């Protein structure tokens, strides 16, 4: 897993660096032959090969390993993390227009808001944050002990907040995963509210990222599989290109996939008592510590190699040319 894949573009620096080093190596070899003469050709070349070629090689790999470290590469191994009882909980809420559907009353979005209030009321000692998403994830409230600030932001949540179209579960999950303060020994929990209708992005990428970070996930499915017609902002029924009414439905399989892939729980708000059941489960779960697995971050290893190669590069360069001249 690579946390900052964009940094890998820095590897392109290697191309001009190699070109310059090769050019300098060839020029330096020619100059040495001219200065040292034919009778010391092999002796000069042996020393120059070490000082020129191998020092250049160590510098190139120094660049490569530095870029890998900056990219936040995670290893293939797994490590066990003992998560303490206190938790940071980030709500990631779908605010696409389909969440206004009233196949569960009063609407999918209203039921989601009520669930958030219920959870915060039952677990007042935890810290909370709030993310909403349509075409992209947006952070509304940072993780804080000020529950009132989170609830105040919750009141204004609606599809009209942002103009971006569609639903991007990947962006909503990644925005939530980036909210947690670093360096604190607290459990990290994302609670996702969505009908599962994903129109862009790849939730699988977010699932892998969250798994590597050891973040726990609880998923609430909003809506029913029977569904209901989708309406626009003026209340008119939305139709597709062929003139058929667009039905918005709960995508249970996608939401269950997210929950099961992360070892989390899945609840449906259409089921009787599901919200209270979920809150009871959360309260019991958060009151005790838990062991989870996370990807081992390998950037320290690459950084260590980069430093060693830099030391090797400098050492070779300053090594004296004994018994040559």
C-alpha atoms as a PDB file:
ATOM      1  CA  UNK A   1       0.000   0.000   0.000  1.00  0.00           C
ATOM      2  CA  UNK A   2       1.346   3.457  -0.976  1.00  0.00           C
ATOM      3  CA  UNK A   3      -0.020   6.318   1.100  1.00  0.00           C
ATOM      4  CA  UNK A   4       1.168   9.159  -1.179  1.00  0.00           C
ATOM      5  CA  UNK A   5       1.374   7.680  -4.717  1.00  0.00           C
ATOM      6  CA  UNK A   6       1.747  11.122  -6.268  1.00  0.00           C
ATOM      7  CA  UNK A   7       5.244  11.383  -4.788  1.00  0.00           C
ATOM      8  CA  UNK A   8       6.367   8.483  -6.995  1.00  0.00           C
ATOM      9  CA  UNK A   9       6.509  10.958  -9.884  1.00  0.00           C
ATOM     10  CA  UNK A  10       9.705  12.215  -8.226  1.00  0.00           C
ATOM     11  CA  UNK A  11      11.380   9.037  -9.502  1.00  0.00           C
ATOM     12  CA  UNK A  12      11.526  10.766 -12.890  1.00  0.00           C
ATOM     13  CA  UNK A  13      14.415  12.781 -11.428  1.00  0.00           C
ATOM     14  CA  UNK A  14      16.508   9.619 -11.758  1.00  0.00           C
ATOM     15  CA  UNK A  15      16.490   9.841 -15.583  1.00  0.00           C
ATOM     16  CA  UNK A  16      18.358  13.181 -15.956  1.00  0.00           C
ATOM     17  CA  UNK A  17      20.573  12.350 -12.956  1.00  0.00           C
ATOM     18  CA  UNK A  18      21.687   9.065 -14.554  1.00  0.00           C
ATOM     19  CA  UNK A  19      22.295  10.838 -17.874  1.00  0.00           C
ATOM     20  CA  UNK A  20      24.489  13.471 -16.186  1.00  0.00           C
ATOM     21  CA  UNK A  21      26.404  10.886 -14.144  1.00  0.00           C
ATOM     22  CA  UNK A  22      27.086   8.695 -17.200  1.00  0.00           C
ATOM     23  CA  UNK A  23      28.279  11.708 -19.176  1.00  0.00           C
ATOM     24  CA  UNK A  24      30.573  12.850 -16.355  1.00  0.00           C
ATOM     25  CA  UNK A  25      31.887   9.305 -15.886  1.00  0.00           C
ATOM     26  CA  UNK A  26      32.861   8.981 -19.551  1.00  0.00           C
ATOM     27  CA  UNK A  27      34.425  12.444 -19.643  1.00  0.00           C
ATOM     28  CA  UNK A  28      36.369  11.814 -16.431  1.00  0.00           C
ATOM     29  CA  UNK A  29      37.674   8.476 -17.704  1.00  0.00           C
ATOM     30  CA  UNK A  30      38.915  10.104 -20.915  1.00  0.00           C
ATOM     31  CA  UNK A  31      40.668  12.885 -18.963  1.00  0.00           C
ATOM     32  CA  UNK A  32      42.377  10.371 -16.654  1.00  0.00           C
ATOM     33  CA  UNK A  33      43.745   8.366 -19.580  1.00  0.00           C
ATOM     34  CA  UNK A  34      45.109  11.540 -21.127  1.00  0.00           C
ATOM     35  CA  UNK A  35      46.740  12.720 -17.880  1.00  0.00           C
ATOM     36  CA  UNK A  36      47.985   9.375 -16.538  1.00  0.00           C
ATOM     37  CA  UNK A  37      49.268   7.899 -19.750  1.00  0.00           C
ATOM     38  CA  UNK A  38      48.952   4.428 -21.238  1.00  0.00           C
ATOM     39  CA  UNK A  39      51.402   2.793 -18.775  1.00  0.00           C
ATOM     40  CA  UNK A  40      49.039   3.420 -15.819  1.00  0.00           C
ATOM     41  CA  UNK A  41      45.775   2.984 -17.701  1.00  0.00           C
ATOM     42  CA  UNK A  42      44.495  -0.094 -15.867  1.00  0.00           C
ATOM     43  CA  UNK A  43      45.594   1.138 -12.428  1.00  0.00           C
ATOM     44  CA  UNK A  44      43.797   4.444 -12.939  1.00  0.00           C
ATOM     45  CA  UNK A  45      40.666   2.805 -14.300  1.00  0.00           C
ATOM     46  CA  UNK A  46      40.342   0.415 -11.334  1.00  0.00           C
ATOM     47  CA  UNK A  47      40.387   3.287  -8.859  1.00  0.00           C
ATOM     48  CA  UNK A  48      38.206   5.518 -11.026  1.00  0.00           C
ATOM     49  CA  UNK A  49      35.646   2.740 -11.439  1.00  0.00           C
ATOM     50  CA  UNK A  50      35.219   2.531  -7.672  1.00  0.00           C
ATOM     51  CA  UNK A  51      35.174   6.272  -7.107  1.00  0.00           C
ATOM     52  CA  UNK A  52      33.094   7.134 -10.143  1.00  0.00           C
ATOM     53  CA  UNK A  53      30.790   4.287 -11.050  1.00  0.00           C
ATOM     54  CA  UNK A  54      29.992   2.906  -7.608  1.00  0.00           C
ATOM     55  CA  UNK A  55      29.620   6.323  -5.980  1.00  0.00           C
ATOM     56  CA  UNK A  56      27.234   7.333  -8.767  1.00  0.00           C
ATOM     57  CA  UNK A  57      25.285   4.107  -8.355  1.00  0.00           C
ATOM     58  CA  UNK A  58      24.928   4.694  -4.615  1.00  0.00           C
ATOM     59  CA  UNK A  59      23.677   8.242  -5.289  1.00  0.00           C
ATOM     60  CA  UNK A  60      21.021   7.003  -7.745  1.00  0.00           C
ATOM     61  CA  UNK A  61      19.715   4.455  -5.249  1.00  0.00           C
ATOM     62  CA  UNK A  62      19.812   7.129  -2.539  1.00  0.00           C
ATOM     63  CA  UNK A  63      17.311   9.117  -4.635  1.00  0.00           C
ATOM     64  CA  UNK A  64      15.129   6.048  -5.275  1.00  0.00           C
ATOM     65  CA  UNK A  65      14.892   5.009  -1.628  1.00  0.00           C
ATOM     66  CA  UNK A  66      14.278   8.610  -0.511  1.00  0.00           C
ATOM     67  CA  UNK A  67      11.308   8.857  -2.899  1.00  0.00           C
ATOM     68  CA  UNK A  68       9.944   5.511  -1.659  1.00  0.00           C
ATOM     69  CA  UNK A  69      10.176   6.798   1.915  1.00  0.00           C
ATOM     70  CA  UNK A  70       8.355  10.021   0.978  1.00  0.00           C
ATOM     71  CA  UNK A  71       5.630   7.952  -0.718  1.00  0.00           C
ATOM     72  CA  UNK A  72       4.685   6.288   2.585  1.00  0.00           C
ATOM     73  CA  UNK A  73       5.119   2.708   1.406  1.00  0.00           C
ATOM     74  CA  UNK A  74       3.578   0.054   3.666  1.00  0.00           C
ATOM     75  CA  UNK A  75       5.152  -3.385   3.898  1.00  0.00           C
ATOM     76  CA  UNK A  76       3.465  -6.703   3.181  1.00  0.00           C
ATOM     77  CA  UNK A  77       3.739  -7.738   6.823  1.00  0.00           C
ATOM     78  CA  UNK A  78       1.096  -7.122   9.445  1.00  0.00           C
ATOM     79  CA  UNK A  79       1.417  -5.853  12.986  1.00  0.00           C
ATOM     80  CA  UNK A  80      -0.894  -6.171  15.963  1.00  0.00           C
ATOM     81  CA  UNK A  81      -2.129  -2.948  17.557  1.00  0.00           C
ATOM     82  CA  UNK A  82      -3.677  -2.809  21.017  1.00  0.00           C
ATOM     83  CA  UNK A  83      -6.378  -0.162  20.661  1.00  0.00           C
ATOM     84  CA  UNK A  84      -7.302   1.673  23.904  1.00  0.00           C
ATOM     85  CA  UNK A  85     -10.899   2.107  25.052  1.00  0.00           C
ATOM     86  CA  UNK A  86     -11.261   5.854  24.370  1.00  0.00           C
ATOM     87  CA  UNK A  87     -12.343   6.460  20.800  1.00  0.00           C
ATOM     88  CA  UNK A  88     -12.342   9.094  18.096  1.00  0.00           C
ATOM     89  CA  UNK A  89     -15.484   8.587  16.007  1.00  0.00           C
ATOM     90  CA  UNK A  90     -15.927  10.175  12.586  1.00  0.00           C
ATOM     91  CA  UNK A  91     -19.362  10.128  10.965  1.00  0.00           C
ATOM     92  CA  UNK A  92     -19.215   9.902   7.164  1.00  0.00           C
ATOM     93  CA  UNK A  93     -22.636  10.842   5.803  1.00  0.00           C
ATOM     94  CA  UNK A  94     -23.944  10.461   2.266  1.00  0.00           C
ATOM     95  CA  UNK A  95     -25.822  13.650   1.289  1.00  0.00           C
ATOM     96  CA  UNK A  96     -26.628  12.787  -2.321  1.00  0.00           C
ATOM     97  CA  UNK A  97     -30.188  13.576  -3.428  1.00  0.00           C
ATOM     98  CA  UNK A  98     -31.203   9.923  -3.123  1.00  0.00           C
ATOM     99  CA  UNK A  99     -30.814  10.288   0.658  1.00  0.00           C
ATOM    100  CA  UNK A 100     -33.968  12.457   0.652  1.00  0.00           C
ATOM    101  CA  UNK A 101     -36.010   9.438  -0.413  1.00  0.00           C
ATOM    102  CA  UNK A 102     -38.780   8.593   2.060  1.00  0.00           C
ATOM    103  CA  UNK A 103     -38.801   4.816   1.628  1.00  0.00           C
ATOM    104  CA  UNK A 104     -37.868   4.969   5.326  1.00  0.00           C
ATOM    105  CA  UNK A 105     -39.656   7.753   7.168  1.00  0.00           C
ATOM    106  CA  UNK A 106     -39.214  10.641   7.419  1.00  0.00           C
ATOM    107  CA  UNK A 107     -36.272  10.199   4.983  1.00  0.00           C
ATOM    108  CA  UNK A 108     -32.981   8.365   4.692  1.00  0.00           C
ATOM    109  CA  UNK A 109     -31.050  11.496   5.605  1.00  0.00           C
ATOM    110  CA  UNK A 110     -33.278  12.369   8.576  1.00  0.00           C
ATOM    111  CA  UNK A 111     -32.955   8.846   9.958  1.00  0.00           C
ATOM    112  CA  UNK A 112     -29.180   9.084   9.569  1.00  0.00           C
ATOM    113  CA  UNK A 113     -29.092  12.367  11.489  1.00  0.00           C
ATOM    114  CA  UNK A 114     -31.218  10.861  14.257  1.00  0.00           C
ATOM    115  CA  UNK A 115     -28.828   7.926  14.487  1.00  0.00           C
ATOM    116  CA  UNK A 116     -25.868  10.308  14.892  1.00  0.00           C
ATOM    117  CA  UNK A 117     -27.629  12.139  17.732  1.00  0.00           C
ATOM    118  CA  UNK A 118     -28.502   8.819  19.364  1.00  0.00           C
ATOM    119  CA  UNK A 119     -24.911   7.591  19.220  1.00  0.00           C
ATOM    120  CA  UNK A 120     -23.468  10.840  20.573  1.00  0.00           C
ATOM    121  CA  UNK A 121     -26.005  10.873  23.392  1.00  0.00           C
ATOM    122  CA  UNK A 122     -25.178   7.303  24.368  1.00  0.00           C
ATOM    123  CA  UNK A 123     -21.393   7.814  24.190  1.00  0.00           C
ATOM    124  CA  UNK A 124     -20.816  11.352  25.530  1.00  0.00           C
ATOM    125  CA  UNK A 125     -17.194  10.771  26.571  1.00  0.00           C
ATOM    126  CA  UNK A 126     -15.877  10.151  23.066  1.00  0.00           C
ATOM    127  CA  UNK A 127     -14.596  12.681  20.539  1.00  0.00           C
ATOM    128  CA  UNK A 128     -16.465  13.158  17.265  1.00  0.00           C
ATOM    129  CA  UNK A 129     -15.916  14.487  13.760  1.00  0.00           C
ATOM    130  CA  UNK A 130     -18.210  14.872  10.751  1.00  0.00           C
ATOM    131  CA  UNK A 131     -17.667  14.310   7.021  1.00  0.00           C
ATOM    132  CA  UNK A 132     -20.307  14.606   4.292  1.00  0.00           C
ATOM    133  CA  UNK A 133     -19.974  13.452   0.714  1.00  0.00           C
ATOM    134  CA  UNK A 134     -21.606  13.590  -2.687  1.00  0.00           C
ATOM    135  CA  UNK A 135     -19.203  13.689  -5.628  1.00  0.00           C
ATOM    136  CA  UNK A 136     -16.394  14.244  -3.106  1.00  0.00           C
ATOM    137  CA  UNK A 137     -15.844  14.063   0.633  1.00  0.00           C
ATOM    138  CA  UNK A 138     -15.906  17.318   2.632  1.00  0.00           C
ATOM    139  CA  UNK A 139     -14.827  17.740   6.261  1.00  0.00           C
ATOM    140  CA  UNK A 140     -17.495  19.667   8.176  1.00  0.00           C
ATOM    141  CA  UNK A 141     -16.311  19.289  11.769  1.00  0.00           C
ATOM    142  CA  UNK A 142     -12.840  18.179  12.911  1.00  0.00           C
ATOM    143  CA  UNK A 143     -12.487  15.531  15.604  1.00  0.00           C
ATOM    144  CA  UNK A 144     -13.304  17.360  18.826  1.00  0.00           C
ATOM    145  CA  UNK A 145     -14.609  16.959  22.365  1.00  0.00           C
ATOM    146  CA  UNK A 146     -17.109  19.738  21.624  1.00  0.00           C
ATOM    147  CA  UNK A 147     -20.138  17.617  20.729  1.00  0.00           C
ATOM    148  CA  UNK A 148     -22.320  20.707  20.420  1.00  0.00           C
ATOM    149  CA  UNK A 149     -20.178  21.987  17.556  1.00  0.00           C
ATOM    150  CA  UNK A 150     -20.621  18.690  15.709  1.00  0.00           C
ATOM    151  CA  UNK A 151     -24.383  18.710  16.302  1.00  0.00           C
ATOM    152  CA  UNK A 152     -24.591  22.316  15.105  1.00  0.00           C
ATOM    153  CA  UNK A 153     -22.937  21.336  11.825  1.00  0.00           C
ATOM    154  CA  UNK A 154     -25.236  18.329  11.595  1.00  0.00           C
ATOM    155  CA  UNK A 155     -28.306  20.589  11.555  1.00  0.00           C
ATOM    156  CA  UNK A 156     -27.214  22.212   8.294  1.00  0.00           C
ATOM    157  CA  UNK A 157     -26.485  18.948   6.469  1.00  0.00           C
ATOM    158  CA  UNK A 158     -28.457  18.617   3.214  1.00  0.00           C
ATOM    159  CA  UNK A 159     -27.857  17.843  -0.482  1.00  0.00           C
ATOM    160  CA  UNK A 160     -28.039  21.583  -1.230  1.00  0.00           C
ATOM    161  CA  UNK A 161     -24.805  22.210   0.708  1.00  0.00           C
ATOM    162  CA  UNK A 162     -22.663  21.401  -2.334  1.00  0.00           C
ATOM    163  CA  UNK A 163     -23.226  21.442  -6.064  1.00  0.00           C
ATOM    164  CA  UNK A 164     -21.134  18.379  -6.915  1.00  0.00           C
ATOM    165  CA  UNK A 165     -23.183  15.602  -8.478  1.00  0.00           C
ATOM    166  CA  UNK A 166     -23.190  11.850  -7.907  1.00  0.00           C
ATOM    167  CA  UNK A 167     -22.080   9.744  -4.970  1.00  0.00           C
ATOM    168  CA  UNK A 168     -18.459   8.837  -4.261  1.00  0.00           C
ATOM    169  CA  UNK A 169     -18.140   6.353  -1.400  1.00  0.00           C
ATOM    170  CA  UNK A 170     -14.365   6.176  -1.857  1.00  0.00           C
ATOM    171  CA  UNK A 171     -13.961   9.919  -1.316  1.00  0.00           C
ATOM    172  CA  UNK A 172     -16.306   9.889   1.682  1.00  0.00           C
ATOM    173  CA  UNK A 173     -14.384   7.081   3.374  1.00  0.00           C
ATOM    174  CA  UNK A 174     -10.941   8.530   2.618  1.00  0.00           C
ATOM    175  CA  UNK A 175     -11.962  11.970   3.900  1.00  0.00           C
ATOM    176  CA  UNK A 176     -13.133  10.348   7.140  1.00  0.00           C
ATOM    177  CA  UNK A 177      -9.938   8.282   7.461  1.00  0.00           C
ATOM    178  CA  UNK A 178      -7.802  11.436   7.166  1.00  0.00           C
ATOM    179  CA  UNK A 179      -9.630  13.183  10.034  1.00  0.00           C
ATOM    180  CA  UNK A 180      -8.039  11.326  12.940  1.00  0.00           C
ATOM    181  CA  UNK A 181      -5.364  13.186  14.948  1.00  0.00           C
ATOM    182  CA  UNK A 182      -1.952  11.559  14.694  1.00  0.00           C
ATOM    183  CA  UNK A 183       0.162  10.350  17.579  1.00  0.00           C
ATOM    184  CA  UNK A 184      -2.695   9.731  20.011  1.00  0.00           C
ATOM    185  CA  UNK A 185      -3.431   6.348  21.562  1.00  0.00           C
ATOM    186  CA  UNK A 186      -7.161   6.307  20.896  1.00  0.00           C
ATOM    187  CA  UNK A 187      -9.344   3.960  18.917  1.00  0.00           C
ATOM    188  CA  UNK A 188     -10.325   5.195  15.483  1.00  0.00           C
ATOM    189  CA  UNK A 189     -13.858   4.454  14.290  1.00  0.00           C
ATOM    190  CA  UNK A 190     -15.637   5.497  11.089  1.00  0.00           C
ATOM    191  CA  UNK A 191     -19.445   5.284  11.061  1.00  0.00           C
ATOM    192  CA  UNK A 192     -20.745   5.370   7.498  1.00  0.00           C
ATOM    193  CA  UNK A 193     -24.322   6.355   6.587  1.00  0.00           C
ATOM    194  CA  UNK A 194     -25.303   5.705   2.973  1.00  0.00           C
ATOM    195  CA  UNK A 195     -27.779   3.997   0.676  1.00  0.00           C
ATOM    196  CA  UNK A 196     -24.793   2.439  -1.105  1.00  0.00           C
ATOM    197  CA  UNK A 197     -25.538   3.865  -4.547  1.00  0.00           C
ATOM    198  CA  UNK A 198     -22.012   4.598  -5.743  1.00  0.00           C
ATOM    199  CA  UNK A 199     -21.759   6.552  -9.007  1.00  0.00           C
ATOM    200  CA  UNK A 200     -18.021   7.300  -9.019  1.00  0.00           C
ATOM    201  CA  UNK A 201     -14.806   6.252  -7.304  1.00  0.00           C
ATOM    202  CA  UNK A 202     -13.695   2.821  -6.141  1.00  0.00           C
ATOM    203  CA  UNK A 203     -14.670   1.944  -2.540  1.00  0.00           C
ATOM    204  CA  UNK A 204     -12.221  -0.979  -2.651  1.00  0.00           C
ATOM    205  CA  UNK A 205      -9.247   1.418  -2.636  1.00  0.00           C
ATOM    206  CA  UNK A 206     -10.560   3.179   0.456  1.00  0.00           C
ATOM    207  CA  UNK A 207     -11.193  -0.173   2.164  1.00  0.00           C
ATOM    208  CA  UNK A 208      -7.548  -1.194   1.686  1.00  0.00           C
ATOM    209  CA  UNK A 209      -6.274   2.163   2.968  1.00  0.00           C
ATOM    210  CA  UNK A 210      -8.499   1.997   6.064  1.00  0.00           C
ATOM    211  CA  UNK A 211      -7.481  -1.604   6.736  1.00  0.00           C
ATOM    212  CA  UNK A 212      -3.784  -0.677   6.632  1.00  0.00           C
ATOM    213  CA  UNK A 213      -4.414   2.103   9.155  1.00  0.00           C
ATOM    214  CA  UNK A 214      -6.189  -0.215  11.618  1.00  0.00           C
ATOM    215  CA  UNK A 215      -9.355   1.914  11.574  1.00  0.00           C
ATOM    216  CA  UNK A 216     -12.620   0.274  12.637  1.00  0.00           C
ATOM    217  CA  UNK A 217     -15.784   0.743  10.595  1.00  0.00           C
ATOM    218  CA  UNK A 218     -19.519   0.535  11.297  1.00  0.00           C
ATOM    219  CA  UNK A 219     -21.898   0.821   8.331  1.00  0.00           C
ATOM    220  CA  UNK A 220     -25.542   1.941   8.390  1.00  0.00           C
ATOM    221  CA  UNK A 221     -27.587   1.136   5.304  1.00  0.00           C
ATOM    222  CA  UNK A 222     -30.237   3.786   4.632  1.00  0.00           C
ATOM    223  CA  UNK A 223     -33.264   2.815   2.557  1.00  0.00           C
ATOM    224  CA  UNK A 224     -34.904  -0.323   1.214  1.00  0.00           C
ATOM    225  CA  UNK A 225     -34.150  -2.639  -1.695  1.00  0.00           C
ATOM    226  CA  UNK A 226     -37.640  -1.944  -3.034  1.00  0.00           C
ATOM    227  CA  UNK A 227     -36.683   1.712  -3.224  1.00  0.00           C
ATOM    228  CA  UNK A 228     -38.598   4.741  -4.369  1.00  0.00           C
ATOM    229  CA  UNK A 229     -38.628   7.177  -7.284  1.00  0.00           C
ATOM    230  CA  UNK A 230     -35.872   9.793  -7.265  1.00  0.00           C
ATOM    231  CA  UNK A 231     -36.934  13.454  -7.263  1.00  0.00           C
ATOM    232  CA  UNK A 232     -34.939  16.561  -8.160  1.00  0.00           C
ATOM    233  CA  UNK A 233     -34.654  19.754  -6.104  1.00  0.00           C
ATOM    234  CA  UNK A 234     -38.023  20.998  -7.389  1.00  0.00           C
ATOM    235  CA  UNK A 235     -39.780  17.778  -6.432  1.00  0.00           C
ATOM    236  CA  UNK A 236     -40.190  16.469  -9.973  1.00  0.00           C
ATOM    237  CA  UNK A 237     -39.572  12.788 -10.668  1.00  0.00           C
ATOM    238  CA  UNK A 238     -36.191  12.162 -12.309  1.00  0.00           C
ATOM    239  CA  UNK A 239     -36.236  10.107 -15.520  1.00  0.00           C
ATOM    240  CA  UNK A 240     -33.450   8.389 -17.444  1.00  0.00           C
ATOM    241  CA  UNK A 241     -32.547   8.865 -21.121  1.00  0.00           C
ATOM    242  CA  UNK A 242     -35.339   6.528 -22.211  1.00  0.00           C
ATOM    243  CA  UNK A 243     -37.961   8.373 -20.157  1.00  0.00           C
ATOM    244  CA  UNK A 244     -38.273   5.752 -17.422  1.00  0.00           C
ATOM    245  CA  UNK A 245     -38.561   6.868 -13.808  1.00  0.00           C
ATOM    246  CA  UNK A 246     -35.314   6.515 -11.853  1.00  0.00           C
ATOM    247  CA  UNK A 247     -35.722   4.327  -8.774  1.00  0.00           C
ATOM    248  CA  UNK A 248     -33.258   4.790  -5.934  1.00  0.00           C
ATOM    249  CA  UNK A 249     -32.606   1.613  -3.939  1.00  0.00           C
ATOM    250  CA  UNK A 250     -30.480   0.460  -1.045  1.00  0.00           C
ATOM    251  CA  UNK A 251     -27.368  -1.323  -2.356  1.00  0.00           C
ATOM    252  CA  UNK A 252     -27.056  -3.744   0.528  1.00  0.00           C
ATOM    253  CA  UNK A 253     -24.337  -5.887  -1.055  1.00  0.00           C
ATOM    254  CA  UNK A 254     -21.924  -2.969  -1.522  1.00  0.00           C
ATOM    255  CA  UNK A 255     -22.357  -1.721   2.037  1.00  0.00           C
ATOM    256  CA  UNK A 256     -22.021  -5.229   3.462  1.00  0.00           C
ATOM    257  CA  UNK A 257     -18.837  -5.662   1.426  1.00  0.00           C
ATOM    258  CA  UNK A 258     -17.328  -2.536   3.024  1.00  0.00           C
ATOM    259  CA  UNK A 259     -18.279  -3.679   6.530  1.00  0.00           C
ATOM    260  CA  UNK A 260     -17.173  -7.302   6.139  1.00  0.00           C
ATOM    261  CA  UNK A 261     -13.881  -6.403   4.419  1.00  0.00           C
ATOM    262  CA  UNK A 262     -12.939  -4.293   7.431  1.00  0.00           C
ATOM    263  CA  UNK A 263     -14.251  -6.685  10.078  1.00  0.00           C
ATOM    264  CA  UNK A 264     -16.963  -4.190  10.975  1.00  0.00           C
ATOM    265  CA  UNK A 265     -20.696  -4.318  11.622  1.00  0.00           C
ATOM    266  CA  UNK A 266     -23.545  -3.614   9.214  1.00  0.00           C
ATOM    267  CA  UNK A 267     -26.971  -2.339  10.272  1.00  0.00           C
ATOM    268  CA  UNK A 268     -30.055  -1.338   8.295  1.00  0.00           C
ATOM    269  CA  UNK A 269     -32.090   1.603   9.472  1.00  0.00           C
ATOM    270  CA  UNK A 270     -35.182   0.164   7.823  1.00  0.00           C
ATOM    271  CA  UNK A 271     -35.196  -2.689  10.316  1.00  0.00           C
ATOM    272  CA  UNK A 272     -37.082  -2.250  13.570  1.00  0.00           C
ATOM    273  CA  UNK A 273     -34.757  -1.469  16.463  1.00  0.00           C
ATOM    274  CA  UNK A 274     -31.616  -1.537  14.300  1.00  0.00           C
ATOM    275  CA  UNK A 275     -30.350   1.865  15.465  1.00  0.00           C
ATOM    276  CA  UNK A 276     -30.716   1.096  19.172  1.00  0.00           C
ATOM    277  CA  UNK A 277     -29.116  -2.308  18.563  1.00  0.00           C
ATOM    278  CA  UNK A 278     -26.182  -0.644  16.828  1.00  0.00           C
ATOM    279  CA  UNK A 279     -25.723   1.899  19.614  1.00  0.00           C
ATOM    280  CA  UNK A 280     -25.786  -0.856  22.250  1.00  0.00           C
ATOM    281  CA  UNK A 281     -23.182  -2.779  20.267  1.00  0.00           C
ATOM    282  CA  UNK A 282     -20.982   0.302  19.875  1.00  0.00           C
ATOM    283  CA  UNK A 283     -21.189   1.184  23.560  1.00  0.00           C
ATOM    284  CA  UNK A 284     -20.181  -2.332  24.585  1.00  0.00           C
ATOM    285  CA  UNK A 285     -17.436  -2.501  21.980  1.00  0.00           C
ATOM    286  CA  UNK A 286     -15.855   0.858  22.790  1.00  0.00           C
ATOM    287  CA  UNK A 287     -15.851   0.220  26.532  1.00  0.00           C
ATOM    288  CA  UNK A 288     -13.129  -2.427  26.084  1.00  0.00           C
ATOM    289  CA  UNK A 289      -9.796  -2.450  24.267  1.00  0.00           C
ATOM    290  CA  UNK A 290      -9.323  -4.464  21.121  1.00  0.00           C
ATOM    291  CA  UNK A 291      -6.472  -5.968  19.112  1.00  0.00           C
ATOM    292  CA  UNK A 292      -6.471  -5.125  15.407  1.00  0.00           C
ATOM    293  CA  UNK A 293      -4.005  -5.688  12.572  1.00  0.00           C
ATOM    294  CA  UNK A 294      -2.514  -2.946  10.441  1.00  0.00           C
ATOM    295  CA  UNK A 295       0.001  -2.770   7.618  1.00  0.00           C
ATOM    296  CA  UNK A 296       3.588  -2.261   8.730  1.00  0.00           C
ATOM    297  CA  UNK A 297       4.863   1.053   7.467  1.00  0.00           C
ATOM    298  CA  UNK A 298       8.106   0.463   5.558  1.00  0.00           C
ATOM    299  CA  UNK A 299       9.132   4.092   5.027  1.00  0.00           C
ATOM    300  CA  UNK A 300      11.591   4.007   7.952  1.00  0.00           C
ATOM    301  CA  UNK A 301      13.367   1.063   6.324  1.00  0.00           C
ATOM    302  CA  UNK A 302      13.695   2.905   3.004  1.00  0.00           C
ATOM    303  CA  UNK A 303      14.823   6.061   4.780  1.00  0.00           C
ATOM    304  CA  UNK A 304      17.482   4.068   6.641  1.00  0.00           C
ATOM    305  CA  UNK A 305      18.764   2.612   3.351  1.00  0.00           C
ATOM    306  CA  UNK A 306      18.805   6.073   1.779  1.00  0.00           C
ATOM    307  CA  UNK A 307      20.959   7.468   4.617  1.00  0.00           C
ATOM    308  CA  UNK A 308      23.380   4.531   4.351  1.00  0.00           C
ATOM    309  CA  UNK A 309      23.717   5.059   0.601  1.00  0.00           C
ATOM    310  CA  UNK A 310      24.341   8.777   1.079  1.00  0.00           C
ATOM    311  CA  UNK A 311      27.098   7.985   3.597  1.00  0.00           C
ATOM    312  CA  UNK A 312      28.566   5.475   1.130  1.00  0.00           C
ATOM    313  CA  UNK A 313      28.460   8.055  -1.668  1.00  0.00           C
ATOM    314  CA  UNK A 314      30.286  10.684   0.400  1.00  0.00           C
ATOM    315  CA  UNK A 315      32.808   8.161   1.757  1.00  0.00           C
ATOM    316  CA  UNK A 316      33.776   6.929  -1.704  1.00  0.00           C
ATOM    317  CA  UNK A 317      34.120  10.477  -2.985  1.00  0.00           C
ATOM    318  CA  UNK A 318      36.504  11.559  -0.207  1.00  0.00           C
ATOM    319  CA  UNK A 319      38.530   8.316  -0.216  1.00  0.00           C
ATOM    320  CA  UNK A 320      42.149   9.326  -1.090  1.00  0.00           C
ATOM    321  CA  UNK A 321      43.832   8.198  -4.344  1.00  0.00           C
ATOM    322  CA  UNK A 322      46.774   6.503  -2.623  1.00  0.00           C
ATOM    323  CA  UNK A 323      49.736   5.238  -4.632  1.00  0.00           C
ATOM    324  CA  UNK A 324      48.244   6.379  -7.927  1.00  0.00           C
ATOM    325  CA  UNK A 325      50.038   9.713  -8.441  1.00  0.00           C
END
